[in-house]
Amino acid sequence: MTLIVHHLNNSRSQRILWMLEELGLPYEIKHYQRDAKTMLAPPELKRVHPLGKSPMLEDDGKIIIETGAICEYLVEKADGKLGAPAHRDNALRYRQWLHYAEGSMMPPLLVMLVVNRIPLMGKTAAKRIQPMIDVHLDYVESELAQRPWFAGDEMTAADIMMSFPLEAAMSRAGLDASRPATVAWVEKVHARPAYQAALAKGGPYAYA
């Protein structure tokens, strides 16, 4: 049966579309739109899963949630494509970056998104959060200066996971030309045909 992506516009779900395009797996998209005022997901998503969060992947009636878990599921479905490299050190890097994206890097970026929407006091809070984000950006820069992709010489699901936090950082949290290896990585990702195809299918995307 065809995979179904329950896709919320302008969300982390975009990574799943990109991964499916890279893997060449057939899929369908069920589109959901954020509330224009609150930017929250619509209640219709809760009919699919109690948490009402996107992305969700549906495969033969089975619902898989969490972007990282979905990526791992798709790697298995594609017989290991975009999965852990054979070299032991690169395989470890793969696992670390796969989980680092949401576990370590996204939390301060999400806080930055929230405080930037608070009048007056938000600017003060943002100045205190930015140094926390800079630690992550410096770490990422030091790693990408050593290798073309996060796990080694080839792109993997770890790169797909890292795309959203780095796009968000470029959009609102200080990622600029002062970190050339990271910026070059984002530009390389954006130039991939599979990324462009996913972007066309997913709809407007501003790294929310």
N, C-alpha and C. Protein backbone atom coordinates (compact mmCIF):
# COMPACT_ATOMS: atom_id res chain seq x y z
N MET A 1 0.84 -1.19 0.00
CA MET A 1 0.00 0.00 0.00
C MET A 1 0.88 1.25 0.00
N THR A 2 0.34 2.34 -0.55
CA THR A 2 1.08 3.59 -0.62
C THR A 2 1.21 4.22 0.76
N LEU A 3 2.36 4.75 1.05
CA LEU A 3 2.58 5.49 2.28
C LEU A 3 1.79 6.79 2.24
N ILE A 4 1.26 7.19 3.38
CA ILE A 4 0.52 8.45 3.48
C ILE A 4 1.22 9.34 4.50
N VAL A 5 1.57 10.55 4.10
CA VAL A 5 2.15 11.52 5.02
C VAL A 5 1.06 12.50 5.42
N HIS A 6 0.76 12.55 6.71
CA HIS A 6 -0.16 13.56 7.23
C HIS A 6 0.68 14.80 7.49
N HIS A 7 0.56 15.74 6.56
CA HIS A 7 1.53 16.84 6.45
C HIS A 7 0.90 18.18 6.84
N LEU A 8 1.46 18.79 7.87
CA LEU A 8 1.05 20.14 8.28
C LEU A 8 1.89 21.16 7.53
N ASN A 9 1.25 22.15 6.96
CA ASN A 9 1.99 23.15 6.20
C ASN A 9 3.03 23.86 7.09
N ASN A 10 4.13 24.22 6.48
CA ASN A 10 5.17 24.98 7.17
C ASN A 10 5.60 24.32 8.47
N SER A 11 6.02 23.08 8.39
CA SER A 11 6.36 22.34 9.61
C SER A 11 7.52 21.37 9.39
N ARG A 12 7.92 20.72 10.47
CA ARG A 12 9.00 19.72 10.41
C ARG A 12 8.63 18.54 9.52
N SER A 13 7.37 18.42 9.22
CA SER A 13 6.91 17.36 8.32
C SER A 13 7.56 17.44 6.95
N GLN A 14 8.04 18.64 6.58
CA GLN A 14 8.67 18.81 5.27
C GLN A 14 9.86 17.86 5.11
N ARG A 15 10.54 17.56 6.19
CA ARG A 15 11.69 16.65 6.11
C ARG A 15 11.29 15.25 5.63
N ILE A 16 10.09 14.82 6.03
CA ILE A 16 9.66 13.48 5.63
C ILE A 16 9.38 13.44 4.13
N LEU A 17 8.80 14.50 3.60
CA LEU A 17 8.57 14.56 2.15
C LEU A 17 9.91 14.51 1.41
N TRP A 18 10.88 15.27 1.91
CA TRP A 18 12.20 15.27 1.28
C TRP A 18 12.81 13.86 1.32
N MET A 19 12.72 13.21 2.46
CA MET A 19 13.31 11.87 2.57
C MET A 19 12.64 10.89 1.61
N LEU A 20 11.34 10.96 1.51
CA LEU A 20 10.63 10.06 0.59
C LEU A 20 11.04 10.32 -0.85
N GLU A 21 11.25 11.58 -1.19
CA GLU A 21 11.71 11.90 -2.54
C GLU A 21 13.12 11.35 -2.78
N GLU A 22 13.99 11.46 -1.80
CA GLU A 22 15.35 10.93 -1.93
C GLU A 22 15.32 9.41 -2.08
N LEU A 23 14.43 8.76 -1.35
CA LEU A 23 14.35 7.30 -1.38
C LEU A 23 13.62 6.76 -2.61
N GLY A 24 12.82 7.62 -3.24
CA GLY A 24 12.05 7.19 -4.40
C GLY A 24 10.88 6.29 -4.05
N LEU A 25 10.41 6.38 -2.80
CA LEU A 25 9.26 5.57 -2.38
C LEU A 25 7.96 6.26 -2.77
N PRO A 26 6.96 5.53 -3.27
CA PRO A 26 5.67 6.16 -3.60
C PRO A 26 4.93 6.58 -2.34
N TYR A 27 4.30 7.74 -2.39
CA TYR A 27 3.57 8.22 -1.22
C TYR A 27 2.48 9.20 -1.64
N GLU A 28 1.55 9.38 -0.73
CA GLU A 28 0.50 10.39 -0.88
C GLU A 28 0.61 11.39 0.26
N ILE A 29 0.09 12.58 0.04
CA ILE A 29 0.09 13.60 1.08
C ILE A 29 -1.34 13.97 1.44
N LYS A 30 -1.64 13.96 2.73
CA LYS A 30 -2.88 14.55 3.22
C LYS A 30 -2.49 15.86 3.87
N HIS A 31 -2.97 16.95 3.29
CA HIS A 31 -2.57 18.28 3.72
C HIS A 31 -3.44 18.79 4.86
N TYR A 32 -2.79 19.46 5.82
CA TYR A 32 -3.47 20.12 6.93
C TYR A 32 -2.90 21.52 7.04
N GLN A 33 -3.76 22.49 7.35
CA GLN A 33 -3.34 23.89 7.41
C GLN A 33 -3.36 24.41 8.85
N ARG A 34 -2.34 25.15 9.20
CA ARG A 34 -2.29 25.79 10.51
C ARG A 34 -3.39 26.84 10.65
N ASP A 35 -3.84 27.07 11.87
CA ASP A 35 -4.74 28.18 12.15
C ASP A 35 -4.00 29.48 11.87
N ALA A 36 -4.58 30.36 11.09
CA ALA A 36 -3.90 31.58 10.66
C ALA A 36 -3.54 32.50 11.83
N LYS A 37 -4.32 32.45 12.92
CA LYS A 37 -4.06 33.33 14.06
C LYS A 37 -3.13 32.68 15.09
N THR A 38 -3.42 31.45 15.44
CA THR A 38 -2.64 30.78 16.50
C THR A 38 -1.43 30.03 15.96
N MET A 39 -1.41 29.72 14.68
CA MET A 39 -0.38 28.92 14.03
C MET A 39 -0.36 27.47 14.53
N LEU A 40 -1.41 27.07 15.23
CA LEU A 40 -1.49 25.70 15.74
C LEU A 40 -2.07 24.76 14.68
N ALA A 41 -1.81 23.48 14.87
CA ALA A 41 -2.35 22.48 13.96
C ALA A 41 -3.86 22.38 14.13
N PRO A 42 -4.58 22.01 13.09
CA PRO A 42 -6.04 21.91 13.18
C PRO A 42 -6.45 20.66 13.97
N PRO A 43 -7.66 20.66 14.52
CA PRO A 43 -8.13 19.50 15.30
C PRO A 43 -8.24 18.22 14.47
N GLU A 44 -8.31 18.34 13.16
CA GLU A 44 -8.43 17.15 12.31
C GLU A 44 -7.25 16.18 12.50
N LEU A 45 -6.10 16.70 12.85
CA LEU A 45 -4.94 15.82 13.05
C LEU A 45 -5.13 14.89 14.25
N LYS A 46 -5.92 15.32 15.23
CA LYS A 46 -6.17 14.48 16.40
C LYS A 46 -7.03 13.26 16.06
N ARG A 47 -7.70 13.33 14.93
CA ARG A 47 -8.47 12.17 14.49
C ARG A 47 -7.55 11.08 13.96
N VAL A 48 -6.33 11.47 13.60
CA VAL A 48 -5.35 10.51 13.11
C VAL A 48 -4.55 9.93 14.27
N HIS A 49 -4.15 10.80 15.21
CA HIS A 49 -3.38 10.39 16.39
C HIS A 49 -3.74 11.33 17.53
N PRO A 50 -3.84 10.82 18.77
CA PRO A 50 -4.27 11.65 19.90
C PRO A 50 -3.44 12.91 20.14
N LEU A 51 -2.15 12.90 19.78
CA LEU A 51 -1.33 14.08 20.01
C LEU A 51 -1.61 15.19 19.00
N GLY A 52 -2.16 14.85 17.86
CA GLY A 52 -2.50 15.87 16.87
C GLY A 52 -1.32 16.63 16.32
N LYS A 53 -0.17 15.97 16.24
CA LYS A 53 1.05 16.62 15.78
C LYS A 53 1.50 16.04 14.44
N SER A 54 2.16 16.87 13.65
CA SER A 54 2.72 16.43 12.37
C SER A 54 4.24 16.52 12.47
N PRO A 55 4.98 15.60 11.85
CA PRO A 55 4.51 14.63 10.87
C PRO A 55 3.95 13.36 11.47
N MET A 56 3.10 12.72 10.70
CA MET A 56 2.64 11.37 10.96
C MET A 56 2.75 10.61 9.65
N LEU A 57 3.24 9.41 9.74
CA LEU A 57 3.32 8.55 8.57
C LEU A 57 2.37 7.39 8.76
N GLU A 58 1.54 7.13 7.74
CA GLU A 58 0.60 6.02 7.79
C GLU A 58 1.03 4.96 6.77
N ASP A 59 1.17 3.74 7.26
CA ASP A 59 1.58 2.63 6.39
C ASP A 59 0.69 1.44 6.68
N ASP A 60 -0.21 1.14 5.76
CA ASP A 60 -1.12 0.02 5.90
C ASP A 60 -1.90 0.09 7.22
N GLY A 61 -2.40 1.29 7.53
CA GLY A 61 -3.21 1.49 8.72
C GLY A 61 -2.42 1.73 10.00
N LYS A 62 -1.10 1.57 9.94
CA LYS A 62 -0.24 1.80 11.11
C LYS A 62 0.23 3.25 11.09
N ILE A 63 0.15 3.94 12.24
CA ILE A 63 0.56 5.33 12.35
C ILE A 63 1.90 5.40 13.08
N ILE A 64 2.87 6.06 12.45
CA ILE A 64 4.17 6.28 13.08
C ILE A 64 4.32 7.78 13.31
N ILE A 65 4.73 8.16 14.53
CA ILE A 65 4.95 9.57 14.85
C ILE A 65 6.42 9.79 15.20
N GLU A 66 6.79 11.05 15.38
CA GLU A 66 8.15 11.51 15.68
C GLU A 66 9.03 11.42 14.42
N THR A 67 9.57 12.56 14.04
CA THR A 67 10.33 12.65 12.78
C THR A 67 11.48 11.66 12.74
N GLY A 68 12.25 11.57 13.83
CA GLY A 68 13.38 10.66 13.85
C GLY A 68 12.96 9.21 13.70
N ALA A 69 11.88 8.84 14.39
CA ALA A 69 11.38 7.47 14.30
C ALA A 69 10.87 7.18 12.89
N ILE A 70 10.24 8.16 12.26
CA ILE A 70 9.76 7.98 10.89
C ILE A 70 10.95 7.80 9.94
N CYS A 71 11.99 8.60 10.14
CA CYS A 71 13.18 8.47 9.29
C CYS A 71 13.78 7.07 9.42
N GLU A 72 13.89 6.58 10.64
CA GLU A 72 14.44 5.24 10.84
C GLU A 72 13.54 4.17 10.21
N TYR A 73 12.26 4.36 10.30
CA TYR A 73 11.30 3.43 9.71
C TYR A 73 11.48 3.39 8.18
N LEU A 74 11.65 4.57 7.59
CA LEU A 74 11.81 4.64 6.14
C LEU A 74 13.15 4.07 5.68
N VAL A 75 14.19 4.24 6.47
CA VAL A 75 15.48 3.63 6.15
C VAL A 75 15.32 2.11 6.08
N GLU A 76 14.63 1.54 7.05
CA GLU A 76 14.40 0.10 7.04
C GLU A 76 13.56 -0.31 5.84
N LYS A 77 12.56 0.49 5.53
CA LYS A 77 11.67 0.16 4.41
C LYS A 77 12.42 0.21 3.08
N ALA A 78 13.44 1.06 3.02
CA ALA A 78 14.22 1.21 1.79
C ALA A 78 15.50 0.37 1.83
N ASP A 79 15.49 -0.67 2.66
CA ASP A 79 16.61 -1.60 2.73
C ASP A 79 17.93 -0.93 3.08
N GLY A 80 17.87 0.05 3.97
CA GLY A 80 19.09 0.66 4.48
C GLY A 80 19.56 1.91 3.77
N LYS A 81 18.91 2.29 2.68
CA LYS A 81 19.31 3.50 1.97
C LYS A 81 19.15 4.72 2.88
N LEU A 82 20.15 5.59 2.88
CA LEU A 82 20.24 6.78 3.73
C LEU A 82 20.44 6.44 5.21
N GLY A 83 20.74 5.18 5.48
CA GLY A 83 20.94 4.75 6.86
C GLY A 83 22.39 4.91 7.30
N ALA A 84 22.71 4.26 8.42
CA ALA A 84 24.04 4.37 9.02
C ALA A 84 25.13 3.87 8.07
N PRO A 85 26.22 4.61 7.94
CA PRO A 85 27.35 4.14 7.11
C PRO A 85 27.97 2.88 7.70
N ALA A 86 28.74 2.19 6.87
CA ALA A 86 29.35 0.94 7.32
C ALA A 86 30.47 1.18 8.32
N HIS A 87 31.22 2.26 8.15
CA HIS A 87 32.33 2.54 9.05
C HIS A 87 31.81 2.82 10.45
N ARG A 88 32.44 2.21 11.45
CA ARG A 88 31.92 2.28 12.81
C ARG A 88 31.83 3.72 13.34
N ASP A 89 32.89 4.51 13.13
CA ASP A 89 32.87 5.89 13.62
C ASP A 89 31.79 6.71 12.93
N ASN A 90 31.63 6.53 11.63
CA ASN A 90 30.59 7.26 10.90
C ASN A 90 29.20 6.81 11.30
N ALA A 91 29.06 5.52 11.62
CA ALA A 91 27.76 5.02 12.09
C ALA A 91 27.39 5.67 13.42
N LEU A 92 28.39 5.87 14.27
CA LEU A 92 28.14 6.54 15.55
C LEU A 92 27.74 7.99 15.32
N ARG A 93 28.46 8.66 14.41
CA ARG A 93 28.09 10.04 14.08
C ARG A 93 26.65 10.10 13.57
N TYR A 94 26.30 9.16 12.73
CA TYR A 94 24.95 9.11 12.19
C TYR A 94 23.91 9.07 13.30
N ARG A 95 24.08 8.19 14.25
CA ARG A 95 23.10 8.05 15.34
C ARG A 95 23.06 9.30 16.21
N GLN A 96 24.22 9.85 16.48
CA GLN A 96 24.26 11.04 17.32
C GLN A 96 23.54 12.22 16.67
N TRP A 97 23.84 12.49 15.39
CA TRP A 97 23.20 13.62 14.71
C TRP A 97 21.72 13.38 14.48
N LEU A 98 21.35 12.13 14.26
CA LEU A 98 19.94 11.80 14.07
C LEU A 98 19.11 12.24 15.27
N HIS A 99 19.67 12.08 16.47
CA HIS A 99 18.95 12.42 17.70
C HIS A 99 19.26 13.84 18.18
N TYR A 100 20.44 14.34 17.85
CA TYR A 100 20.83 15.68 18.27
C TYR A 100 19.89 16.75 17.71
N ALA A 101 19.44 16.55 16.49
CA ALA A 101 18.61 17.56 15.81
C ALA A 101 17.43 18.00 16.66
N GLU A 102 16.65 17.04 17.15
CA GLU A 102 15.48 17.37 17.95
C GLU A 102 15.78 17.41 19.45
N GLY A 103 16.73 16.56 19.89
CA GLY A 103 16.99 16.46 21.31
C GLY A 103 17.77 17.61 21.90
N SER A 104 18.71 18.18 21.13
CA SER A 104 19.58 19.23 21.66
C SER A 104 19.43 20.57 20.95
N MET A 105 19.34 20.55 19.64
CA MET A 105 19.39 21.82 18.91
C MET A 105 18.05 22.52 18.81
N MET A 106 16.97 21.76 18.65
CA MET A 106 15.67 22.39 18.45
C MET A 106 15.11 23.10 19.69
N PRO A 107 15.31 22.60 20.91
CA PRO A 107 14.70 23.28 22.06
C PRO A 107 15.04 24.77 22.19
N PRO A 108 16.33 25.20 22.14
CA PRO A 108 16.57 26.63 22.22
C PRO A 108 16.06 27.41 21.02
N LEU A 109 16.03 26.77 19.85
CA LEU A 109 15.47 27.44 18.67
C LEU A 109 13.97 27.67 18.82
N LEU A 110 13.30 26.71 19.42
CA LEU A 110 11.86 26.85 19.66
C LEU A 110 11.60 27.97 20.67
N VAL A 111 12.43 28.03 21.70
CA VAL A 111 12.30 29.12 22.68
C VAL A 111 12.50 30.47 22.00
N MET A 112 13.48 30.53 21.11
CA MET A 112 13.73 31.78 20.39
C MET A 112 12.52 32.18 19.55
N LEU A 113 11.89 31.22 18.91
CA LEU A 113 10.69 31.51 18.12
C LEU A 113 9.61 32.12 19.00
N VAL A 114 9.42 31.56 20.18
CA VAL A 114 8.37 32.02 21.08
C VAL A 114 8.67 33.43 21.60
N VAL A 115 9.89 33.66 22.08
CA VAL A 115 10.19 34.97 22.69
C VAL A 115 10.20 36.08 21.65
N ASN A 116 10.53 35.75 20.41
CA ASN A 116 10.52 36.77 19.36
C ASN A 116 9.12 37.28 19.06
N ARG A 117 8.11 36.55 19.50
CA ARG A 117 6.73 36.98 19.29
C ARG A 117 6.18 37.77 20.48
N ILE A 118 7.02 37.97 21.50
CA ILE A 118 6.59 38.72 22.68
C ILE A 118 7.06 40.17 22.55
N PRO A 119 6.15 41.14 22.56
CA PRO A 119 6.55 42.54 22.44
C PRO A 119 7.46 42.97 23.60
N LEU A 120 8.41 43.83 23.31
CA LEU A 120 9.29 44.45 24.29
C LEU A 120 10.17 43.45 25.03
N MET A 121 9.62 42.70 25.96
CA MET A 121 10.40 41.77 26.77
C MET A 121 11.03 40.67 25.93
N GLY A 122 10.45 40.39 24.78
CA GLY A 122 10.97 39.33 23.93
C GLY A 122 12.38 39.61 23.45
N LYS A 123 12.69 40.86 23.13
CA LYS A 123 14.03 41.20 22.65
C LYS A 123 15.08 40.98 23.73
N THR A 124 14.72 41.29 24.97
CA THR A 124 15.65 41.07 26.08
C THR A 124 15.91 39.59 26.28
N ALA A 125 14.85 38.82 26.22
CA ALA A 125 14.98 37.36 26.39
C ALA A 125 15.80 36.76 25.25
N ALA A 126 15.59 37.24 24.04
CA ALA A 126 16.30 36.70 22.88
C ALA A 126 17.81 36.90 23.02
N LYS A 127 18.23 38.02 23.60
CA LYS A 127 19.66 38.28 23.79
C LYS A 127 20.29 37.27 24.74
N ARG A 128 19.51 36.74 25.65
CA ARG A 128 20.04 35.75 26.59
C ARG A 128 20.04 34.34 25.99
N ILE A 129 19.13 34.12 25.07
CA ILE A 129 19.03 32.79 24.44
C ILE A 129 20.05 32.62 23.32
N GLN A 130 20.36 33.70 22.62
CA GLN A 130 21.25 33.59 21.46
C GLN A 130 22.60 32.95 21.79
N PRO A 131 23.24 33.28 22.91
CA PRO A 131 24.52 32.61 23.22
C PRO A 131 24.38 31.10 23.36
N MET A 132 23.24 30.63 23.84
CA MET A 132 23.01 29.18 23.94
C MET A 132 22.96 28.55 22.55
N ILE A 133 22.32 29.25 21.63
CA ILE A 133 22.23 28.76 20.25
C ILE A 133 23.59 28.82 19.57
N ASP A 134 24.36 29.86 19.88
CA ASP A 134 25.68 30.01 19.27
C ASP A 134 26.59 28.83 19.60
N VAL A 135 26.45 28.27 20.80
CA VAL A 135 27.25 27.10 21.16
C VAL A 135 26.97 25.95 20.19
N HIS A 136 25.69 25.76 19.88
CA HIS A 136 25.32 24.70 18.93
C HIS A 136 25.81 25.02 17.52
N LEU A 137 25.67 26.26 17.11
CA LEU A 137 26.09 26.63 15.75
C LEU A 137 27.60 26.49 15.58
N ASP A 138 28.36 26.84 16.62
CA ASP A 138 29.81 26.69 16.55
C ASP A 138 30.20 25.21 16.48
N TYR A 139 29.50 24.39 17.23
CA TYR A 139 29.76 22.95 17.21
C TYR A 139 29.47 22.37 15.83
N VAL A 140 28.33 22.72 15.26
CA VAL A 140 27.97 22.24 13.93
C VAL A 140 28.99 22.69 12.90
N GLU A 141 29.39 23.95 12.98
CA GLU A 141 30.38 24.48 12.04
C GLU A 141 31.70 23.71 12.13
N SER A 142 32.14 23.41 13.34
CA SER A 142 33.40 22.69 13.50
C SER A 142 33.33 21.28 12.90
N GLU A 143 32.16 20.68 12.96
CA GLU A 143 31.99 19.33 12.40
C GLU A 143 31.89 19.36 10.87
N LEU A 144 31.09 20.27 10.35
CA LEU A 144 30.93 20.33 8.89
C LEU A 144 32.17 20.86 8.19
N ALA A 145 33.05 21.51 8.91
CA ALA A 145 34.33 21.93 8.32
C ALA A 145 35.23 20.73 8.06
N GLN A 146 34.92 19.58 8.67
CA GLN A 146 35.75 18.39 8.55
C GLN A 146 35.25 17.38 7.52
N ARG A 147 33.96 17.46 7.18
CA ARG A 147 33.40 16.44 6.28
C ARG A 147 32.21 17.04 5.53
N PRO A 148 31.86 16.52 4.35
CA PRO A 148 30.79 17.13 3.55
C PRO A 148 29.38 16.90 4.10
N TRP A 149 29.18 15.80 4.81
CA TRP A 149 27.86 15.49 5.37
C TRP A 149 28.04 15.13 6.85
N PHE A 150 26.96 15.13 7.57
CA PHE A 150 27.08 14.97 9.02
C PHE A 150 27.70 13.65 9.45
N ALA A 151 27.43 12.58 8.72
CA ALA A 151 27.96 11.28 9.12
C ALA A 151 29.20 10.86 8.33
N GLY A 152 29.59 11.63 7.33
CA GLY A 152 30.75 11.25 6.54
C GLY A 152 30.71 11.80 5.14
N ASP A 153 31.07 10.95 4.18
CA ASP A 153 31.18 11.40 2.78
C ASP A 153 29.87 11.34 2.00
N GLU A 154 28.87 10.67 2.55
CA GLU A 154 27.59 10.53 1.86
C GLU A 154 26.45 11.09 2.69
N MET A 155 25.42 11.59 2.02
CA MET A 155 24.25 12.08 2.72
C MET A 155 23.49 10.92 3.36
N THR A 156 22.95 11.14 4.56
CA THR A 156 22.16 10.14 5.26
C THR A 156 20.92 10.79 5.85
N ALA A 157 20.13 9.97 6.52
CA ALA A 157 18.95 10.50 7.22
C ALA A 157 19.33 11.50 8.31
N ALA A 158 20.56 11.42 8.81
CA ALA A 158 21.01 12.39 9.81
C ALA A 158 21.03 13.80 9.21
N ASP A 159 21.39 13.92 7.95
CA ASP A 159 21.37 15.23 7.29
C ASP A 159 19.93 15.73 7.13
N ILE A 160 19.04 14.82 6.81
CA ILE A 160 17.64 15.21 6.68
C ILE A 160 17.11 15.72 8.02
N MET A 161 17.46 15.04 9.10
CA MET A 161 17.03 15.49 10.42
C MET A 161 17.62 16.86 10.77
N MET A 162 18.86 17.11 10.40
CA MET A 162 19.52 18.37 10.75
C MET A 162 19.07 19.54 9.88
N SER A 163 18.38 19.27 8.79
CA SER A 163 18.01 20.36 7.89
C SER A 163 17.09 21.39 8.56
N PHE A 164 16.10 20.91 9.30
CA PHE A 164 15.13 21.86 9.86
C PHE A 164 15.75 22.79 10.89
N PRO A 165 16.50 22.29 11.90
CA PRO A 165 17.09 23.22 12.85
C PRO A 165 18.05 24.22 12.21
N LEU A 166 18.78 23.80 11.19
CA LEU A 166 19.72 24.74 10.57
C LEU A 166 18.99 25.75 9.69
N GLU A 167 17.93 25.33 9.05
CA GLU A 167 17.12 26.30 8.30
C GLU A 167 16.48 27.30 9.26
N ALA A 168 16.01 26.81 10.40
CA ALA A 168 15.41 27.70 11.40
C ALA A 168 16.45 28.67 11.94
N ALA A 169 17.67 28.17 12.17
CA ALA A 169 18.73 29.03 12.68
C ALA A 169 19.10 30.11 11.66
N MET A 170 19.09 29.75 10.39
CA MET A 170 19.39 30.73 9.34
C MET A 170 18.28 31.77 9.25
N SER A 171 17.06 31.33 9.53
CA SER A 171 15.91 32.23 9.43
C SER A 171 15.81 33.19 10.60
N ARG A 172 16.17 32.74 11.82
CA ARG A 172 15.87 33.58 12.98
C ARG A 172 16.87 33.51 14.13
N ALA A 173 18.00 32.81 13.94
CA ALA A 173 18.86 32.63 15.11
C ALA A 173 20.35 32.72 14.80
N GLY A 174 20.73 33.59 13.88
CA GLY A 174 22.13 33.96 13.76
C GLY A 174 23.02 33.15 12.85
N LEU A 175 22.48 32.18 12.13
CA LEU A 175 23.32 31.43 11.19
C LEU A 175 23.52 32.28 9.94
N ASP A 176 24.78 32.67 9.69
CA ASP A 176 25.07 33.52 8.54
C ASP A 176 26.45 33.18 8.00
N ALA A 177 26.98 34.04 7.16
CA ALA A 177 28.24 33.78 6.47
C ALA A 177 29.43 33.64 7.42
N SER A 178 29.28 33.99 8.67
CA SER A 178 30.37 33.82 9.63
C SER A 178 30.61 32.34 9.93
N ARG A 179 29.70 31.47 9.51
CA ARG A 179 29.87 30.02 9.64
C ARG A 179 29.73 29.41 8.24
N PRO A 180 30.77 29.57 7.42
CA PRO A 180 30.67 29.23 5.98
C PRO A 180 30.40 27.77 5.69
N ALA A 181 30.96 26.85 6.47
CA ALA A 181 30.74 25.43 6.18
C ALA A 181 29.28 25.05 6.36
N THR A 182 28.65 25.62 7.38
CA THR A 182 27.24 25.32 7.64
C THR A 182 26.34 25.94 6.59
N VAL A 183 26.61 27.17 6.24
CA VAL A 183 25.82 27.83 5.19
C VAL A 183 25.96 27.09 3.87
N ALA A 184 27.17 26.64 3.56
CA ALA A 184 27.38 25.89 2.31
C ALA A 184 26.61 24.58 2.34
N TRP A 185 26.53 23.96 3.51
CA TRP A 185 25.77 22.71 3.64
C TRP A 185 24.28 22.97 3.38
N VAL A 186 23.72 24.03 3.96
CA VAL A 186 22.31 24.35 3.74
C VAL A 186 22.05 24.62 2.26
N GLU A 187 22.93 25.36 1.62
CA GLU A 187 22.76 25.67 0.21
C GLU A 187 22.84 24.40 -0.64
N LYS A 188 23.72 23.48 -0.26
CA LYS A 188 23.85 22.22 -0.97
C LYS A 188 22.57 21.39 -0.85
N VAL A 189 22.00 21.39 0.34
CA VAL A 189 20.73 20.70 0.56
C VAL A 189 19.63 21.29 -0.29
N HIS A 190 19.53 22.61 -0.28
CA HIS A 190 18.46 23.28 -1.02
C HIS A 190 18.57 23.07 -2.53
N ALA A 191 19.75 22.77 -3.01
CA ALA A 191 19.95 22.57 -4.45
C ALA A 191 19.61 21.16 -4.91
N ARG A 192 19.39 20.25 -3.98
CA ARG A 192 19.12 18.86 -4.38
C ARG A 192 17.76 18.75 -5.07
N PRO A 193 17.68 18.04 -6.18
CA PRO A 193 16.40 17.88 -6.88
C PRO A 193 15.30 17.29 -6.00
N ALA A 194 15.64 16.33 -5.15
CA ALA A 194 14.64 15.72 -4.28
C ALA A 194 14.10 16.73 -3.28
N TYR A 195 14.97 17.60 -2.78
CA TYR A 195 14.52 18.64 -1.85
C TYR A 195 13.56 19.59 -2.57
N GLN A 196 13.91 19.99 -3.78
CA GLN A 196 13.06 20.90 -4.54
C GLN A 196 11.71 20.26 -4.86
N ALA A 197 11.72 18.98 -5.19
CA ALA A 197 10.46 18.29 -5.48
C ALA A 197 9.57 18.23 -4.25
N ALA A 198 10.17 17.95 -3.10
CA ALA A 198 9.41 17.89 -1.85
C ALA A 198 8.84 19.26 -1.49
N LEU A 199 9.62 20.30 -1.73
CA LEU A 199 9.18 21.66 -1.43
C LEU A 199 7.97 22.03 -2.28
N ALA A 200 7.99 21.63 -3.55
CA ALA A 200 6.86 21.93 -4.44
C ALA A 200 5.60 21.22 -4.00
N LYS A 201 5.74 20.01 -3.47
CA LYS A 201 4.59 19.25 -3.04
C LYS A 201 4.09 19.64 -1.66
N GLY A 202 4.99 20.11 -0.82
CA GLY A 202 4.63 20.38 0.58
C GLY A 202 3.95 21.71 0.82
N GLY A 203 4.16 22.67 -0.08
CA GLY A 203 3.53 23.96 0.10
C GLY A 203 4.44 24.96 0.79
N PRO A 204 3.94 26.17 1.08
CA PRO A 204 4.75 27.22 1.69
C PRO A 204 5.49 26.73 2.93
N TYR A 205 6.75 27.16 3.04
CA TYR A 205 7.62 26.62 4.08
C TYR A 205 8.55 27.72 4.57
N ALA A 206 8.39 28.11 5.82
CA ALA A 206 9.21 29.20 6.37
C ALA A 206 9.86 28.80 7.69
N TYR A 207 10.07 27.49 7.87
CA TYR A 207 10.83 26.99 9.02
C TYR A 207 10.17 27.36 10.35
N ALA A 208 8.89 27.14 10.46
CA ALA A 208 8.16 27.49 11.69
C ALA A 208 8.47 26.51 12.79
